[in-house]
Amino acid sequence: MINNNEKGFALVLSLVLMLVMSLMGGALIVISAGDHQSNNRSDEYQQTFYVAETALLEGERYVLNQSLGPWNISNHQRDMSKRNLPNNTLSFPTNMTQKNYNSKSMSSDNYLSQSDTCYNSFQVNKPKDYKVVVAESWNFGVILDDSIGSKTIPKNEIDKLKKFYYQYFIEQVGSAPFKGTGTSVKKDAGNTGSDGIAYRVYGCGIKKEKDDINLVVALESVIVLPK
Protein backbone atom coordinates (compact mmCIF):
# COMPACT_ATOMS: atom_id res chain seq x y z
CA MET A 1 0.00 0.00 0.00
CA ILE A 2 2.84 2.32 0.90
CA ASN A 3 4.65 1.48 -2.35
CA ASN A 4 1.53 2.30 -4.36
CA ASN A 5 1.21 5.68 -2.60
CA GLU A 6 4.86 6.47 -3.29
CA LYS A 7 4.45 5.56 -6.96
CA GLY A 8 1.34 7.72 -7.19
CA PHE A 9 3.08 10.66 -5.54
CA ALA A 10 6.09 10.30 -7.87
CA LEU A 11 3.78 10.28 -10.90
CA VAL A 12 1.97 13.43 -9.75
CA LEU A 13 5.29 15.15 -8.99
CA SER A 14 6.60 14.26 -12.46
CA LEU A 15 3.51 15.69 -14.10
CA VAL A 16 3.81 18.90 -12.06
CA LEU A 17 7.47 19.26 -13.00
CA MET A 18 6.66 18.72 -16.68
CA LEU A 19 3.94 21.39 -16.47
CA VAL A 20 6.29 23.86 -14.76
CA MET A 21 9.03 23.22 -17.32
CA SER A 22 6.57 23.71 -20.18
CA LEU A 23 5.38 27.01 -18.70
CA MET A 24 8.97 28.16 -18.19
CA GLY A 25 9.83 27.22 -21.77
CA GLY A 26 6.85 29.16 -23.06
CA ALA A 27 7.80 32.15 -20.94
CA LEU A 28 11.37 32.07 -22.29
CA ILE A 29 10.05 32.02 -25.86
CA VAL A 30 7.82 35.02 -25.14
CA ILE A 31 10.71 36.90 -23.48
CA SER A 32 13.02 36.07 -26.39
CA ALA A 33 10.45 37.32 -28.90
CA GLY A 34 10.00 40.49 -26.85
CA ASP A 35 13.76 41.07 -26.77
CA HIS A 36 13.92 40.58 -30.53
CA GLN A 37 11.17 43.14 -31.09
CA SER A 38 12.89 45.53 -28.68
CA ASN A 39 16.20 45.16 -30.55
CA ASN A 40 14.49 45.81 -33.87
CA ARG A 41 12.85 48.94 -32.49
CA SER A 42 16.17 50.10 -31.07
CA ASP A 43 17.81 49.65 -34.48
CA GLU A 44 15.00 51.62 -36.14
CA TYR A 45 15.42 54.45 -33.63
CA GLN A 46 19.19 54.50 -34.16
CA GLN A 47 18.76 54.69 -37.94
CA THR A 48 16.17 57.46 -37.54
CA PHE A 49 18.60 59.36 -35.31
CA TYR A 50 21.33 59.13 -37.97
CA VAL A 51 18.89 60.49 -40.54
CA ALA A 52 17.98 63.35 -38.16
CA GLU A 53 21.67 64.24 -37.89
CA THR A 54 21.78 64.34 -41.68
CA ALA A 55 18.88 66.80 -41.61
CA LEU A 56 20.81 69.14 -39.31
CA LEU A 57 23.97 68.93 -41.43
CA GLU A 58 22.08 69.61 -44.65
CA GLY A 59 20.21 72.52 -43.08
CA GLU A 60 23.43 74.10 -41.85
CA ARG A 61 25.02 73.52 -45.25
CA TYR A 62 22.12 75.29 -46.93
CA VAL A 63 22.67 78.44 -44.86
CA LEU A 64 26.44 78.35 -45.40
CA ASN A 65 25.98 77.95 -49.15
CA GLN A 66 23.74 80.99 -49.19
CA SER A 67 26.29 82.98 -47.22
CA LEU A 68 29.34 81.90 -49.22
CA GLY A 69 27.58 81.67 -52.58
CA PRO A 70 25.99 78.54 -54.09
CA TRP A 71 28.36 75.91 -55.46
CA ASN A 72 28.45 75.64 -59.26
CA ILE A 73 29.00 71.99 -60.20
CA SER A 74 29.90 72.85 -63.80
CA ASN A 75 32.99 74.94 -63.02
CA HIS A 76 33.52 73.79 -59.41
CA GLN A 77 33.41 77.32 -58.06
CA ARG A 78 31.08 79.34 -55.89
CA ASP A 79 28.85 81.95 -57.47
CA MET A 80 29.98 84.91 -55.40
CA SER A 81 27.40 87.19 -57.01
CA LYS A 82 24.60 85.29 -55.23
CA ARG A 83 25.98 85.53 -51.70
CA ASN A 84 23.29 86.53 -49.24
CA LEU A 85 21.93 86.17 -45.73
CA PRO A 86 18.40 84.84 -46.41
CA ASN A 87 15.34 86.20 -44.63
CA ASN A 88 12.17 84.50 -43.40
CA THR A 89 9.92 84.72 -46.47
CA LEU A 90 8.35 81.25 -46.77
CA SER A 91 5.03 80.55 -45.04
CA PHE A 92 5.27 77.38 -42.97
CA PRO A 93 4.23 74.63 -42.34
CA THR A 94 2.04 74.86 -45.45
CA ASN A 95 5.06 74.95 -47.77
CA MET A 96 7.35 71.95 -47.39
CA THR A 97 9.15 71.14 -50.64
CA GLN A 98 9.44 67.45 -51.53
CA LYS A 99 12.88 67.57 -53.13
CA ASN A 100 13.54 64.09 -54.52
CA TYR A 101 10.20 62.28 -54.41
CA ASN A 102 6.47 62.67 -54.95
CA SER A 103 3.30 60.61 -54.67
CA LYS A 104 3.89 59.06 -58.11
CA SER A 105 7.50 58.03 -57.54
CA MET A 106 6.90 56.38 -54.15
CA SER A 107 4.75 53.43 -53.13
CA SER A 108 1.81 54.21 -50.86
CA ASP A 109 3.53 52.33 -48.01
CA ASN A 110 6.60 54.56 -48.25
CA TYR A 111 5.13 57.90 -49.27
CA LEU A 112 5.21 60.61 -46.60
CA SER A 113 2.52 63.12 -47.49
CA GLN A 114 2.43 65.39 -44.43
CA SER A 115 4.25 68.70 -44.57
CA ASP A 116 4.02 69.36 -40.83
CA THR A 117 5.48 66.13 -39.41
CA CYS A 118 8.75 67.75 -38.38
CA TYR A 119 7.12 71.04 -37.40
CA ASN A 120 4.77 69.30 -34.96
CA SER A 121 7.69 67.49 -33.31
CA PHE A 122 8.95 70.70 -31.71
CA GLN A 123 7.09 72.00 -28.67
CA VAL A 124 7.47 75.62 -29.67
CA ASN A 125 4.63 78.11 -30.00
CA LYS A 126 4.81 79.79 -33.38
CA PRO A 127 2.67 82.66 -34.71
CA LYS A 128 -0.07 81.91 -37.23
CA ASP A 129 1.86 83.80 -39.91
CA TYR A 130 5.06 81.87 -39.14
CA LYS A 131 7.67 82.22 -41.88
CA VAL A 132 10.98 80.48 -42.44
CA VAL A 133 13.94 80.71 -44.80
CA VAL A 134 13.42 77.28 -46.35
CA ALA A 135 11.65 73.97 -45.64
CA GLU A 136 12.70 70.78 -47.42
CA SER A 137 11.87 67.09 -47.24
CA TRP A 138 14.17 64.39 -48.65
CA ASN A 139 13.82 60.62 -48.95
CA PHE A 140 16.97 59.05 -47.53
CA GLY A 141 16.73 55.83 -49.53
CA VAL A 142 16.32 57.66 -52.83
CA ILE A 143 19.46 59.69 -52.11
CA LEU A 144 21.48 56.51 -51.54
CA ASP A 145 19.95 54.86 -54.60
CA ASP A 146 20.85 57.85 -56.79
CA SER A 147 24.35 58.31 -55.41
CA ILE A 148 25.47 54.72 -54.80
CA GLY A 149 22.98 52.50 -56.58
CA SER A 150 21.82 48.93 -56.09
CA LYS A 151 25.16 47.55 -57.34
CA THR A 152 26.76 48.58 -54.04
CA ILE A 153 23.77 48.21 -51.71
CA PRO A 154 21.27 45.33 -52.21
CA LYS A 155 17.94 46.51 -53.58
CA ASN A 156 15.99 45.14 -50.63
CA GLU A 157 18.13 47.23 -48.26
CA ILE A 158 17.55 50.38 -50.34
CA ASP A 159 13.82 49.65 -50.32
CA LYS A 160 13.92 49.50 -46.52
CA LEU A 161 15.74 52.83 -46.38
CA LYS A 162 13.06 54.43 -48.55
CA LYS A 163 10.87 54.42 -45.45
CA PHE A 164 13.24 56.99 -43.93
CA TYR A 165 13.01 60.73 -44.55
CA TYR A 166 14.79 63.79 -43.31
CA GLN A 167 13.17 67.18 -43.12
CA TYR A 168 14.54 70.53 -42.08
CA PHE A 169 13.27 74.06 -41.82
CA ILE A 170 15.33 77.11 -40.98
CA GLU A 171 14.39 80.40 -39.39
CA GLN A 172 16.43 83.55 -39.16
CA VAL A 173 16.49 84.39 -35.46
CA GLY A 174 18.01 87.87 -35.80
CA SER A 175 21.15 89.70 -34.77
CA ALA A 176 23.64 87.85 -32.58
CA PRO A 177 27.14 88.48 -31.25
CA PHE A 178 29.85 87.41 -33.66
CA LYS A 179 33.56 88.01 -33.69
CA GLY A 180 35.90 86.37 -36.15
CA THR A 181 37.97 86.74 -39.27
CA GLY A 182 37.25 85.56 -42.77
CA THR A 183 34.80 86.12 -45.58
CA SER A 184 31.57 87.98 -45.03
CA VAL A 185 28.70 89.17 -47.18
CA LYS A 186 29.47 92.79 -46.33
CA LYS A 187 33.14 92.68 -45.33
CA ASP A 188 36.24 91.78 -47.29
CA ALA A 189 38.25 88.72 -46.36
CA GLY A 190 40.61 89.37 -43.51
CA ASN A 191 38.46 91.98 -41.81
CA THR A 192 37.19 91.30 -38.33
CA GLY A 193 33.42 91.14 -37.88
CA SER A 194 31.86 92.09 -34.56
CA ASP A 195 28.23 91.24 -35.24
CA GLY A 196 26.29 88.52 -36.99
CA ILE A 197 22.97 86.94 -37.92
CA ALA A 198 21.72 83.82 -36.14
CA TYR A 199 19.81 80.98 -37.80
CA ARG A 200 18.04 78.15 -36.03
CA VAL A 201 17.99 74.86 -37.91
CA TYR A 202 15.23 72.38 -37.05
CA GLY A 203 15.94 68.89 -38.33
CA CYS A 204 14.02 65.61 -38.15
CA GLY A 205 14.62 62.00 -39.03
CA ILE A 206 11.36 60.26 -39.84
CA LYS A 207 10.53 56.59 -40.35
CA LYS A 208 7.30 56.16 -42.29
CA GLU A 209 4.99 53.72 -40.54
CA LYS A 210 1.40 52.58 -40.84
CA ASP A 211 -1.53 54.96 -40.45
CA ASP A 212 0.83 57.96 -40.52
CA ILE A 213 1.91 57.31 -36.92
CA ASN A 214 5.58 57.79 -37.61
CA LEU A 215 8.79 57.38 -35.65
CA VAL A 216 10.35 60.86 -35.41
CA VAL A 217 13.64 62.08 -33.95
CA ALA A 218 13.84 65.88 -33.72
CA LEU A 219 17.07 67.88 -33.32
CA GLU A 220 17.96 71.55 -33.57
CA SER A 221 21.03 73.76 -33.74
CA VAL A 222 21.90 77.45 -33.97
CA ILE A 223 24.58 78.88 -36.24
CA VAL A 224 25.80 82.48 -36.38
CA LEU A 225 27.16 84.00 -39.58
CA PRO A 226 28.92 87.34 -40.02
CA LYS A 227 26.93 90.20 -41.52
C-alpha atoms as a PDB file:
ATOM      1  CA  MET A   1       0.000   0.000   0.000  1.00  0.00           C
ATOM      2  CA  ILE A   2       2.839   2.319   0.900  1.00  0.00           C
ATOM      3  CA  ASN A   3       4.650   1.485  -2.346  1.00  0.00           C
ATOM      4  CA  ASN A   4       1.533   2.295  -4.357  1.00  0.00           C
ATOM      5  CA  ASN A   5       1.212   5.676  -2.598  1.00  0.00           C
ATOM      6  CA  GLU A   6       4.859   6.470  -3.286  1.00  0.00           C
ATOM      7  CA  LYS A   7       4.449   5.561  -6.956  1.00  0.00           C
ATOM      8  CA  GLY A   8       1.338   7.721  -7.185  1.00  0.00           C
ATOM      9  CA  PHE A   9       3.080  10.663  -5.539  1.00  0.00           C
ATOM     10  CA  ALA A  10       6.091  10.295  -7.869  1.00  0.00           C
ATOM     11  CA  LEU A  11       3.785  10.281 -10.899  1.00  0.00           C
ATOM     12  CA  VAL A  12       1.973  13.432  -9.750  1.00  0.00           C
ATOM     13  CA  LEU A  13       5.291  15.150  -8.991  1.00  0.00           C
ATOM     14  CA  SER A  14       6.599  14.258 -12.457  1.00  0.00           C
ATOM     15  CA  LEU A  15       3.508  15.690 -14.100  1.00  0.00           C
ATOM     16  CA  VAL A  16       3.808  18.896 -12.056  1.00  0.00           C
ATOM     17  CA  LEU A  17       7.475  19.263 -12.998  1.00  0.00           C
ATOM     18  CA  MET A  18       6.657  18.723 -16.681  1.00  0.00           C
ATOM     19  CA  LEU A  19       3.939  21.388 -16.475  1.00  0.00           C
ATOM     20  CA  VAL A  20       6.287  23.865 -14.757  1.00  0.00           C
ATOM     21  CA  MET A  21       9.035  23.224 -17.319  1.00  0.00           C
ATOM     22  CA  SER A  22       6.567  23.714 -20.177  1.00  0.00           C
ATOM     23  CA  LEU A  23       5.378  27.010 -18.701  1.00  0.00           C
ATOM     24  CA  MET A  24       8.972  28.163 -18.189  1.00  0.00           C
ATOM     25  CA  GLY A  25       9.835  27.219 -21.769  1.00  0.00           C
ATOM     26  CA  GLY A  26       6.850  29.159 -23.059  1.00  0.00           C
ATOM     27  CA  ALA A  27       7.802  32.153 -20.938  1.00  0.00           C
ATOM     28  CA  LEU A  28      11.368  32.071 -22.289  1.00  0.00           C
ATOM     29  CA  ILE A  29      10.046  32.020 -25.857  1.00  0.00           C
ATOM     30  CA  VAL A  30       7.818  35.022 -25.136  1.00  0.00           C
ATOM     31  CA  ILE A  31      10.710  36.902 -23.482  1.00  0.00           C
ATOM     32  CA  SER A  32      13.017  36.070 -26.394  1.00  0.00           C
ATOM     33  CA  ALA A  33      10.446  37.315 -28.897  1.00  0.00           C
ATOM     34  CA  GLY A  34       9.999  40.486 -26.849  1.00  0.00           C
ATOM     35  CA  ASP A  35      13.762  41.070 -26.766  1.00  0.00           C
ATOM     36  CA  HIS A  36      13.924  40.576 -30.533  1.00  0.00           C
ATOM     37  CA  GLN A  37      11.174  43.142 -31.093  1.00  0.00           C
ATOM     38  CA  SER A  38      12.894  45.529 -28.682  1.00  0.00           C
ATOM     39  CA  ASN A  39      16.196  45.156 -30.546  1.00  0.00           C
ATOM     40  CA  ASN A  40      14.485  45.805 -33.873  1.00  0.00           C
ATOM     41  CA  ARG A  41      12.851  48.942 -32.488  1.00  0.00           C
ATOM     42  CA  SER A  42      16.167  50.101 -31.071  1.00  0.00           C
ATOM     43  CA  ASP A  43      17.809  49.651 -34.485  1.00  0.00           C
ATOM     44  CA  GLU A  44      15.003  51.617 -36.138  1.00  0.00           C
ATOM     45  CA  TYR A  45      15.417  54.448 -33.634  1.00  0.00           C
ATOM     46  CA  GLN A  46      19.192  54.496 -34.164  1.00  0.00           C
ATOM     47  CA  GLN A  47      18.759  54.694 -37.941  1.00  0.00           C
ATOM     48  CA  THR A  48      16.167  57.457 -37.539  1.00  0.00           C
ATOM     49  CA  PHE A  49      18.599  59.361 -35.307  1.00  0.00           C
ATOM     50  CA  TYR A  50      21.329  59.132 -37.970  1.00  0.00           C
ATOM     51  CA  VAL A  51      18.888  60.492 -40.539  1.00  0.00           C
ATOM     52  CA  ALA A  52      17.981  63.348 -38.158  1.00  0.00           C
ATOM     53  CA  GLU A  53      21.670  64.241 -37.891  1.00  0.00           C
ATOM     54  CA  THR A  54      21.778  64.340 -41.685  1.00  0.00           C
ATOM     55  CA  ALA A  55      18.880  66.803 -41.613  1.00  0.00           C
ATOM     56  CA  LEU A  56      20.810  69.145 -39.315  1.00  0.00           C
ATOM     57  CA  LEU A  57      23.966  68.932 -41.429  1.00  0.00           C
ATOM     58  CA  GLU A  58      22.075  69.611 -44.652  1.00  0.00           C
ATOM     59  CA  GLY A  59      20.207  72.523 -43.084  1.00  0.00           C
ATOM     60  CA  GLU A  60      23.433  74.096 -41.849  1.00  0.00           C
ATOM     61  CA  ARG A  61      25.023  73.515 -45.251  1.00  0.00           C
ATOM     62  CA  TYR A  62      22.122  75.290 -46.929  1.00  0.00           C
ATOM     63  CA  VAL A  63      22.669  78.443 -44.864  1.00  0.00           C
ATOM     64  CA  LEU A  64      26.438  78.348 -45.402  1.00  0.00           C
ATOM     65  CA  ASN A  65      25.984  77.952 -49.152  1.00  0.00           C
ATOM     66  CA  GLN A  66      23.736  80.991 -49.194  1.00  0.00           C
ATOM     67  CA  SER A  67      26.285  82.983 -47.215  1.00  0.00           C
ATOM     68  CA  LEU A  68      29.338  81.899 -49.220  1.00  0.00           C
ATOM     69  CA  GLY A  69      27.580  81.668 -52.577  1.00  0.00           C
ATOM     70  CA  PRO A  70      25.987  78.536 -54.093  1.00  0.00           C
ATOM     71  CA  TRP A  71      28.355  75.913 -55.464  1.00  0.00           C
ATOM     72  CA  ASN A  72      28.453  75.637 -59.255  1.00  0.00           C
ATOM     73  CA  ILE A  73      28.999  71.993 -60.199  1.00  0.00           C
ATOM     74  CA  SER A  74      29.904  72.850 -63.804  1.00  0.00           C
ATOM     75  CA  ASN A  75      32.990  74.942 -63.017  1.00  0.00           C
ATOM     76  CA  HIS A  76      33.516  73.787 -59.409  1.00  0.00           C
ATOM     77  CA  GLN A  77      33.407  77.318 -58.058  1.00  0.00           C
ATOM     78  CA  ARG A  78      31.076  79.337 -55.891  1.00  0.00           C
ATOM     79  CA  ASP A  79      28.846  81.950 -57.468  1.00  0.00           C
ATOM     80  CA  MET A  80      29.979  84.910 -55.398  1.00  0.00           C
ATOM     81  CA  SER A  81      27.399  87.194 -57.006  1.00  0.00           C
ATOM     82  CA  LYS A  82      24.605  85.285 -55.227  1.00  0.00           C
ATOM     83  CA  ARG A  83      25.983  85.529 -51.701  1.00  0.00           C
ATOM     84  CA  ASN A  84      23.287  86.527 -49.238  1.00  0.00           C
ATOM     85  CA  LEU A  85      21.925  86.167 -45.731  1.00  0.00           C
ATOM     86  CA  PRO A  86      18.404  84.844 -46.409  1.00  0.00           C
ATOM     87  CA  ASN A  87      15.340  86.201 -44.634  1.00  0.00           C
ATOM     88  CA  ASN A  88      12.168  84.500 -43.403  1.00  0.00           C
ATOM     89  CA  THR A  89       9.919  84.723 -46.466  1.00  0.00           C
ATOM     90  CA  LEU A  90       8.346  81.253 -46.773  1.00  0.00           C
ATOM     91  CA  SER A  91       5.030  80.547 -45.037  1.00  0.00           C
ATOM     92  CA  PHE A  92       5.275  77.385 -42.967  1.00  0.00           C
ATOM     93  CA  PRO A  93       4.231  74.627 -42.344  1.00  0.00           C
ATOM     94  CA  THR A  94       2.040  74.862 -45.447  1.00  0.00           C
ATOM     95  CA  ASN A  95       5.062  74.953 -47.775  1.00  0.00           C
ATOM     96  CA  MET A  96       7.348  71.946 -47.387  1.00  0.00           C
ATOM     97  CA  THR A  97       9.147  71.138 -50.644  1.00  0.00           C
ATOM     98  CA  GLN A  98       9.441  67.450 -51.525  1.00  0.00           C
ATOM     99  CA  LYS A  99      12.884  67.566 -53.127  1.00  0.00           C
ATOM    100  CA  ASN A 100      13.539  64.095 -54.524  1.00  0.00           C
ATOM    101  CA  TYR A 101      10.201  62.277 -54.410  1.00  0.00           C
ATOM    102  CA  ASN A 102       6.471  62.673 -54.949  1.00  0.00           C
ATOM    103  CA  SER A 103       3.303  60.613 -54.671  1.00  0.00           C
ATOM    104  CA  LYS A 104       3.892  59.060 -58.105  1.00  0.00           C
ATOM    105  CA  SER A 105       7.501  58.034 -57.536  1.00  0.00           C
ATOM    106  CA  MET A 106       6.904  56.377 -54.152  1.00  0.00           C
ATOM    107  CA  SER A 107       4.751  53.432 -53.129  1.00  0.00           C
ATOM    108  CA  SER A 108       1.809  54.208 -50.862  1.00  0.00           C
ATOM    109  CA  ASP A 109       3.526  52.327 -48.011  1.00  0.00           C
ATOM    110  CA  ASN A 110       6.602  54.555 -48.246  1.00  0.00           C
ATOM    111  CA  TYR A 111       5.129  57.903 -49.269  1.00  0.00           C
ATOM    112  CA  LEU A 112       5.209  60.610 -46.596  1.00  0.00           C
ATOM    113  CA  SER A 113       2.520  63.117 -47.487  1.00  0.00           C
ATOM    114  CA  GLN A 114       2.430  65.389 -44.428  1.00  0.00           C
ATOM    115  CA  SER A 115       4.251  68.699 -44.571  1.00  0.00           C
ATOM    116  CA  ASP A 116       4.017  69.364 -40.826  1.00  0.00           C
ATOM    117  CA  THR A 117       5.482  66.130 -39.408  1.00  0.00           C
ATOM    118  CA  CYS A 118       8.748  67.751 -38.384  1.00  0.00           C
ATOM    119  CA  TYR A 119       7.124  71.040 -37.396  1.00  0.00           C
ATOM    120  CA  ASN A 120       4.767  69.298 -34.963  1.00  0.00           C
ATOM    121  CA  SER A 121       7.685  67.491 -33.309  1.00  0.00           C
ATOM    122  CA  PHE A 122       8.955  70.698 -31.714  1.00  0.00           C
ATOM    123  CA  GLN A 123       7.089  71.999 -28.669  1.00  0.00           C
ATOM    124  CA  VAL A 124       7.465  75.621 -29.674  1.00  0.00           C
ATOM    125  CA  ASN A 125       4.628  78.111 -30.001  1.00  0.00           C
ATOM    126  CA  LYS A 126       4.810  79.790 -33.384  1.00  0.00           C
ATOM    127  CA  PRO A 127       2.667  82.659 -34.713  1.00  0.00           C
ATOM    128  CA  LYS A 128      -0.069  81.907 -37.233  1.00  0.00           C
ATOM    129  CA  ASP A 129       1.858  83.799 -39.906  1.00  0.00           C
ATOM    130  CA  TYR A 130       5.060  81.869 -39.137  1.00  0.00           C
ATOM    131  CA  LYS A 131       7.670  82.217 -41.879  1.00  0.00           C
ATOM    132  CA  VAL A 132      10.976  80.477 -42.440  1.00  0.00           C
ATOM    133  CA  VAL A 133      13.935  80.712 -44.800  1.00  0.00           C
ATOM    134  CA  VAL A 134      13.421  77.280 -46.348  1.00  0.00           C
ATOM    135  CA  ALA A 135      11.649  73.974 -45.636  1.00  0.00           C
ATOM    136  CA  GLU A 136      12.699  70.781 -47.423  1.00  0.00           C
ATOM    137  CA  SER A 137      11.872  67.086 -47.235  1.00  0.00           C
ATOM    138  CA  TRP A 138      14.173  64.385 -48.647  1.00  0.00           C
ATOM    139  CA  ASN A 139      13.818  60.622 -48.946  1.00  0.00           C
ATOM    140  CA  PHE A 140      16.968  59.050 -47.531  1.00  0.00           C
ATOM    141  CA  GLY A 141      16.727  55.825 -49.526  1.00  0.00           C
ATOM    142  CA  VAL A 142      16.316  57.661 -52.831  1.00  0.00           C
ATOM    143  CA  ILE A 143      19.460  59.694 -52.108  1.00  0.00           C
ATOM    144  CA  LEU A 144      21.478  56.514 -51.543  1.00  0.00           C
ATOM    145  CA  ASP A 145      19.954  54.862 -54.598  1.00  0.00           C
ATOM    146  CA  ASP A 146      20.846  57.847 -56.794  1.00  0.00           C
ATOM    147  CA  SER A 147      24.352  58.312 -55.409  1.00  0.00           C
ATOM    148  CA  ILE A 148      25.473  54.722 -54.797  1.00  0.00           C
ATOM    149  CA  GLY A 149      22.979  52.495 -56.584  1.00  0.00           C
ATOM    150  CA  SER A 150      21.819  48.930 -56.088  1.00  0.00           C
ATOM    151  CA  LYS A 151      25.165  47.547 -57.339  1.00  0.00           C
ATOM    152  CA  THR A 152      26.756  48.579 -54.042  1.00  0.00           C
ATOM    153  CA  ILE A 153      23.770  48.207 -51.708  1.00  0.00           C
ATOM    154  CA  PRO A 154      21.268  45.328 -52.211  1.00  0.00           C
ATOM    155  CA  LYS A 155      17.938  46.509 -53.583  1.00  0.00           C
ATOM    156  CA  ASN A 156      15.986  45.137 -50.627  1.00  0.00           C
ATOM    157  CA  GLU A 157      18.127  47.233 -48.261  1.00  0.00           C
ATOM    158  CA  ILE A 158      17.555  50.375 -50.339  1.00  0.00           C
ATOM    159  CA  ASP A 159      13.818  49.647 -50.323  1.00  0.00           C
ATOM    160  CA  LYS A 160      13.919  49.497 -46.515  1.00  0.00           C
ATOM    161  CA  LEU A 161      15.745  52.833 -46.381  1.00  0.00           C
ATOM    162  CA  LYS A 162      13.057  54.426 -48.551  1.00  0.00           C
ATOM    163  CA  LYS A 163      10.872  54.423 -45.448  1.00  0.00           C
ATOM    164  CA  PHE A 164      13.242  56.994 -43.928  1.00  0.00           C
ATOM    165  CA  TYR A 165      13.014  60.725 -44.555  1.00  0.00           C
ATOM    166  CA  TYR A 166      14.795  63.786 -43.310  1.00  0.00           C
ATOM    167  CA  GLN A 167      13.172  67.180 -43.120  1.00  0.00           C
ATOM    168  CA  TYR A 168      14.536  70.532 -42.079  1.00  0.00           C
ATOM    169  CA  PHE A 169      13.270  74.057 -41.820  1.00  0.00           C
ATOM    170  CA  ILE A 170      15.332  77.113 -40.976  1.00  0.00           C
ATOM    171  CA  GLU A 171      14.393  80.395 -39.394  1.00  0.00           C
ATOM    172  CA  GLN A 172      16.432  83.552 -39.156  1.00  0.00           C
ATOM    173  CA  VAL A 173      16.490  84.395 -35.457  1.00  0.00           C
ATOM    174  CA  GLY A 174      18.009  87.866 -35.799  1.00  0.00           C
ATOM    175  CA  SER A 175      21.153  89.699 -34.765  1.00  0.00           C
ATOM    176  CA  ALA A 176      23.639  87.852 -32.583  1.00  0.00           C
ATOM    177  CA  PRO A 177      27.139  88.478 -31.246  1.00  0.00           C
ATOM    178  CA  PHE A 178      29.849  87.411 -33.658  1.00  0.00           C
ATOM    179  CA  LYS A 179      33.561  88.011 -33.694  1.00  0.00           C
ATOM    180  CA  GLY A 180      35.901  86.373 -36.146  1.00  0.00           C
ATOM    181  CA  THR A 181      37.968  86.737 -39.271  1.00  0.00           C
ATOM    182  CA  GLY A 182      37.247  85.558 -42.769  1.00  0.00           C
ATOM    183  CA  THR A 183      34.803  86.121 -45.582  1.00  0.00           C
ATOM    184  CA  SER A 184      31.566  87.975 -45.027  1.00  0.00           C
ATOM    185  CA  VAL A 185      28.703  89.166 -47.178  1.00  0.00           C
ATOM    186  CA  LYS A 186      29.467  92.787 -46.325  1.00  0.00           C
ATOM    187  CA  LYS A 187      33.138  92.680 -45.329  1.00  0.00           C
ATOM    188  CA  ASP A 188      36.237  91.782 -47.293  1.00  0.00           C
ATOM    189  CA  ALA A 189      38.246  88.722 -46.364  1.00  0.00           C
ATOM    190  CA  GLY A 190      40.609  89.368 -43.510  1.00  0.00           C
ATOM    191  CA  ASN A 191      38.458  91.980 -41.810  1.00  0.00           C
ATOM    192  CA  THR A 192      37.191  91.296 -38.333  1.00  0.00           C
ATOM    193  CA  GLY A 193      33.422  91.140 -37.879  1.00  0.00           C
ATOM    194  CA  SER A 194      31.862  92.093 -34.562  1.00  0.00           C
ATOM    195  CA  ASP A 195      28.234  91.235 -35.239  1.00  0.00           C
ATOM    196  CA  GLY A 196      26.285  88.516 -36.987  1.00  0.00           C
ATOM    197  CA  ILE A 197      22.967  86.941 -37.916  1.00  0.00           C
ATOM    198  CA  ALA A 198      21.720  83.816 -36.144  1.00  0.00           C
ATOM    199  CA  TYR A 199      19.811  80.984 -37.796  1.00  0.00           C
ATOM    200  CA  ARG A 200      18.041  78.149 -36.026  1.00  0.00           C
ATOM    201  CA  VAL A 201      17.991  74.861 -37.909  1.00  0.00           C
ATOM    202  CA  TYR A 202      15.229  72.380 -37.054  1.00  0.00           C
ATOM    203  CA  GLY A 203      15.939  68.885 -38.333  1.00  0.00           C
ATOM    204  CA  CYS A 204      14.016  65.612 -38.155  1.00  0.00           C
ATOM    205  CA  GLY A 205      14.624  62.002 -39.025  1.00  0.00           C
ATOM    206  CA  ILE A 206      11.355  60.259 -39.838  1.00  0.00           C
ATOM    207  CA  LYS A 207      10.530  56.589 -40.352  1.00  0.00           C
ATOM    208  CA  LYS A 208       7.296  56.158 -42.287  1.00  0.00           C
ATOM    209  CA  GLU A 209       4.994  53.722 -40.543  1.00  0.00           C
ATOM    210  CA  LYS A 210       1.399  52.580 -40.838  1.00  0.00           C
ATOM    211  CA  ASP A 211      -1.531  54.960 -40.454  1.00  0.00           C
ATOM    212  CA  ASP A 212       0.834  57.958 -40.516  1.00  0.00           C
ATOM    213  CA  ILE A 213       1.905  57.308 -36.918  1.00  0.00           C
ATOM    214  CA  ASN A 214       5.581  57.790 -37.608  1.00  0.00           C
ATOM    215  CA  LEU A 215       8.785  57.379 -35.648  1.00  0.00           C
ATOM    216  CA  VAL A 216      10.348  60.855 -35.407  1.00  0.00           C
ATOM    217  CA  VAL A 217      13.643  62.082 -33.950  1.00  0.00           C
ATOM    218  CA  ALA A 218      13.843  65.884 -33.719  1.00  0.00           C
ATOM    219  CA  LEU A 219      17.073  67.881 -33.319  1.00  0.00           C
ATOM    220  CA  GLU A 220      17.960  71.546 -33.567  1.00  0.00           C
ATOM    221  CA  SER A 221      21.029  73.759 -33.740  1.00  0.00           C
ATOM    222  CA  VAL A 222      21.902  77.447 -33.975  1.00  0.00           C
ATOM    223  CA  ILE A 223      24.583  78.884 -36.240  1.00  0.00           C
ATOM    224  CA  VAL A 224      25.797  82.485 -36.385  1.00  0.00           C
ATOM    225  CA  LEU A 225      27.158  84.000 -39.583  1.00  0.00           C
ATOM    226  CA  PRO A 226      28.921  87.343 -40.016  1.00  0.00           C
ATOM    227  CA  LYS A 227      26.934  90.196 -41.523  1.00  0.00           C
END
